Amino acid sequence: MGLYRKNIGGLHQAVRVALGIAVAIAAFAYLSGLAAWLVALGGAGFALTGLVGYCPMCAMAGIGRGGVS
C-alpha cells in the first residue's frame, strides 16, 4: 500500500496542480523579495499535493476518498 493512501480524486488533483502553479507564477509577477518566495513556496506545496494525490489536511479532517471514519 505504501506510506499513504490517495485521498483526493483526479479532477481535484488537476485543479490543485493548476492553481498551485498559477499562485507560484503570480507570486513572482506581483510580489518581490521574501514575500514572493514564501507565497511561491506555498503554491508549490499545493501543487505537490495534487501531483501525489494526498493532502495531509484533508486526511486530518476526514475529507476525501473513504469518507469519515
N, C-alpha and C. Protein backbone atom coordinates (compact mmCIF):
# COMPACT_ATOMS: atom_id res chain seq x y z
N MET A 1 0.81 -1.19 0.00
CA MET A 1 0.00 0.00 0.00
C MET A 1 0.86 1.26 0.00
N GLY A 2 2.00 1.23 0.60
CA GLY A 2 2.84 2.42 0.63
C GLY A 2 2.68 3.20 1.93
N LEU A 3 3.22 4.39 1.94
CA LEU A 3 3.20 5.20 3.15
C LEU A 3 1.92 6.02 3.29
N TYR A 4 1.17 6.17 2.23
CA TYR A 4 -0.05 6.95 2.29
C TYR A 4 -1.08 6.38 1.34
N ARG A 5 -2.32 6.76 1.54
CA ARG A 5 -3.41 6.38 0.64
C ARG A 5 -3.93 7.65 -0.01
N LYS A 6 -4.10 7.61 -1.32
CA LYS A 6 -4.60 8.79 -2.02
C LYS A 6 -5.95 9.18 -1.45
N ASN A 7 -6.12 10.45 -1.17
CA ASN A 7 -7.39 10.90 -0.61
C ASN A 7 -8.04 12.02 -1.42
N ILE A 8 -7.50 12.31 -2.61
CA ILE A 8 -8.15 13.26 -3.50
C ILE A 8 -8.23 12.64 -4.89
N GLY A 9 -9.32 12.93 -5.59
CA GLY A 9 -9.58 12.35 -6.89
C GLY A 9 -8.88 13.06 -8.04
N GLY A 10 -9.09 12.55 -9.24
CA GLY A 10 -8.40 13.05 -10.43
C GLY A 10 -8.66 14.51 -10.75
N LEU A 11 -9.92 14.92 -10.76
CA LEU A 11 -10.24 16.32 -11.05
C LEU A 11 -9.69 17.24 -9.96
N HIS A 12 -9.83 16.82 -8.73
CA HIS A 12 -9.31 17.60 -7.60
C HIS A 12 -7.79 17.75 -7.72
N GLN A 13 -7.11 16.68 -8.13
CA GLN A 13 -5.67 16.74 -8.31
C GLN A 13 -5.30 17.74 -9.40
N ALA A 14 -6.01 17.70 -10.53
CA ALA A 14 -5.70 18.59 -11.64
C ALA A 14 -5.91 20.05 -11.25
N VAL A 15 -6.97 20.32 -10.51
CA VAL A 15 -7.25 21.69 -10.06
C VAL A 15 -6.16 22.16 -9.11
N ARG A 16 -5.74 21.30 -8.19
CA ARG A 16 -4.68 21.67 -7.25
C ARG A 16 -3.37 21.98 -7.96
N VAL A 17 -3.02 21.17 -8.94
CA VAL A 17 -1.77 21.41 -9.68
C VAL A 17 -1.85 22.74 -10.43
N ALA A 18 -2.95 22.97 -11.14
CA ALA A 18 -3.11 24.20 -11.92
C ALA A 18 -3.09 25.43 -11.02
N LEU A 19 -3.85 25.40 -9.93
CA LEU A 19 -3.88 26.55 -9.03
C LEU A 19 -2.55 26.78 -8.33
N GLY A 20 -1.89 25.70 -7.95
CA GLY A 20 -0.59 25.83 -7.29
C GLY A 20 0.44 26.49 -8.19
N ILE A 21 0.46 26.06 -9.45
CA ILE A 21 1.39 26.66 -10.41
C ILE A 21 1.02 28.12 -10.66
N ALA A 22 -0.27 28.40 -10.79
CA ALA A 22 -0.72 29.77 -11.03
C ALA A 22 -0.34 30.69 -9.87
N VAL A 23 -0.49 30.21 -8.65
CA VAL A 23 -0.13 31.01 -7.47
C VAL A 23 1.37 31.28 -7.45
N ALA A 24 2.17 30.26 -7.77
CA ALA A 24 3.62 30.44 -7.77
C ALA A 24 4.04 31.47 -8.82
N ILE A 25 3.45 31.40 -10.01
CA ILE A 25 3.77 32.37 -11.06
C ILE A 25 3.32 33.77 -10.66
N ALA A 26 2.10 33.87 -10.13
CA ALA A 26 1.57 35.18 -9.72
C ALA A 26 2.41 35.79 -8.59
N ALA A 27 2.96 34.95 -7.73
CA ALA A 27 3.77 35.46 -6.63
C ALA A 27 4.96 36.25 -7.15
N PHE A 28 5.62 35.72 -8.17
CA PHE A 28 6.79 36.43 -8.71
C PHE A 28 6.39 37.59 -9.61
N ALA A 29 5.17 37.54 -10.16
CA ALA A 29 4.71 38.62 -11.03
C ALA A 29 4.26 39.84 -10.22
N TYR A 30 3.67 39.61 -9.05
CA TYR A 30 3.07 40.71 -8.29
C TYR A 30 3.77 41.04 -6.98
N LEU A 31 4.62 40.16 -6.51
CA LEU A 31 5.32 40.40 -5.24
C LEU A 31 6.82 40.43 -5.48
N SER A 32 7.55 40.81 -4.46
CA SER A 32 9.00 40.81 -4.58
C SER A 32 9.62 40.38 -3.26
N GLY A 33 10.85 39.99 -3.34
CA GLY A 33 11.61 39.64 -2.15
C GLY A 33 11.12 38.37 -1.47
N LEU A 34 11.21 38.39 -0.15
CA LEU A 34 10.87 37.22 0.65
C LEU A 34 9.40 36.85 0.52
N ALA A 35 8.54 37.83 0.42
CA ALA A 35 7.10 37.55 0.29
C ALA A 35 6.82 36.73 -0.96
N ALA A 36 7.46 37.07 -2.07
CA ALA A 36 7.26 36.32 -3.32
C ALA A 36 7.70 34.88 -3.15
N TRP A 37 8.84 34.67 -2.53
CA TRP A 37 9.34 33.31 -2.32
C TRP A 37 8.44 32.50 -1.41
N LEU A 38 7.93 33.12 -0.34
CA LEU A 38 7.07 32.38 0.58
C LEU A 38 5.74 31.99 -0.06
N VAL A 39 5.14 32.92 -0.80
CA VAL A 39 3.88 32.62 -1.48
C VAL A 39 4.11 31.57 -2.57
N ALA A 40 5.20 31.68 -3.30
CA ALA A 40 5.51 30.70 -4.34
C ALA A 40 5.75 29.31 -3.73
N LEU A 41 6.38 29.28 -2.58
CA LEU A 41 6.59 28.00 -1.90
C LEU A 41 5.26 27.38 -1.48
N GLY A 42 4.35 28.21 -1.01
CA GLY A 42 3.01 27.71 -0.68
C GLY A 42 2.30 27.16 -1.90
N GLY A 43 2.39 27.87 -3.03
CA GLY A 43 1.79 27.39 -4.26
C GLY A 43 2.41 26.09 -4.73
N ALA A 44 3.72 25.98 -4.60
CA ALA A 44 4.40 24.74 -4.99
C ALA A 44 3.97 23.58 -4.10
N GLY A 45 3.79 23.84 -2.81
CA GLY A 45 3.31 22.80 -1.90
C GLY A 45 1.91 22.34 -2.26
N PHE A 46 1.07 23.29 -2.63
CA PHE A 46 -0.30 22.98 -3.04
C PHE A 46 -0.28 22.13 -4.31
N ALA A 47 0.57 22.49 -5.26
CA ALA A 47 0.70 21.71 -6.50
C ALA A 47 1.24 20.32 -6.21
N LEU A 48 2.16 20.22 -5.28
CA LEU A 48 2.73 18.92 -4.93
C LEU A 48 1.67 17.97 -4.36
N THR A 49 0.76 18.49 -3.55
CA THR A 49 -0.31 17.63 -3.03
C THR A 49 -1.18 17.11 -4.16
N GLY A 50 -1.35 17.91 -5.20
CA GLY A 50 -2.09 17.45 -6.36
C GLY A 50 -1.34 16.39 -7.15
N LEU A 51 -0.04 16.56 -7.26
CA LEU A 51 0.76 15.58 -8.01
C LEU A 51 0.77 14.21 -7.35
N VAL A 52 0.86 14.17 -6.04
CA VAL A 52 0.92 12.87 -5.36
C VAL A 52 -0.46 12.34 -5.00
N GLY A 53 -1.48 13.20 -5.03
CA GLY A 53 -2.84 12.74 -4.75
C GLY A 53 -3.16 12.59 -3.28
N TYR A 54 -2.36 13.20 -2.43
CA TYR A 54 -2.58 13.10 -0.98
C TYR A 54 -2.48 14.47 -0.35
N CYS A 55 -3.48 14.81 0.45
CA CYS A 55 -3.49 16.08 1.17
C CYS A 55 -3.54 15.79 2.67
N PRO A 56 -2.50 16.12 3.42
CA PRO A 56 -2.48 15.83 4.85
C PRO A 56 -3.62 16.52 5.61
N MET A 57 -3.97 17.74 5.23
CA MET A 57 -5.05 18.45 5.92
C MET A 57 -6.40 17.79 5.67
N CYS A 58 -6.62 17.32 4.43
CA CYS A 58 -7.87 16.59 4.13
C CYS A 58 -7.91 15.30 4.92
N ALA A 59 -6.78 14.64 5.07
CA ALA A 59 -6.73 13.39 5.82
C ALA A 59 -7.07 13.64 7.29
N MET A 60 -6.55 14.72 7.87
CA MET A 60 -6.83 15.02 9.27
C MET A 60 -8.28 15.38 9.47
N ALA A 61 -8.89 16.03 8.48
CA ALA A 61 -10.29 16.43 8.59
C ALA A 61 -11.24 15.30 8.18
N GLY A 62 -10.70 14.21 7.65
CA GLY A 62 -11.53 13.09 7.24
C GLY A 62 -12.23 13.33 5.91
N ILE A 63 -11.69 14.23 5.11
CA ILE A 63 -12.26 14.56 3.82
C ILE A 63 -11.55 13.75 2.74
N GLY A 64 -12.31 13.28 1.77
CA GLY A 64 -11.70 12.59 0.65
C GLY A 64 -12.21 11.19 0.50
N ARG A 65 -11.47 10.40 -0.24
CA ARG A 65 -11.86 9.02 -0.50
C ARG A 65 -11.93 8.23 0.79
N GLY A 66 -12.96 7.45 0.92
CA GLY A 66 -13.11 6.66 2.13
C GLY A 66 -14.02 7.30 3.15
N GLY A 67 -14.20 8.62 3.05
CA GLY A 67 -15.11 9.31 3.96
C GLY A 67 -14.59 9.41 5.37
N VAL A 68 -15.47 9.80 6.27
CA VAL A 68 -15.14 9.97 7.68
C VAL A 68 -15.26 8.65 8.38
N SER A 69 -14.29 8.33 9.20
CA SER A 69 -14.31 7.04 9.94
C SER A 69 -15.19 7.12 11.14
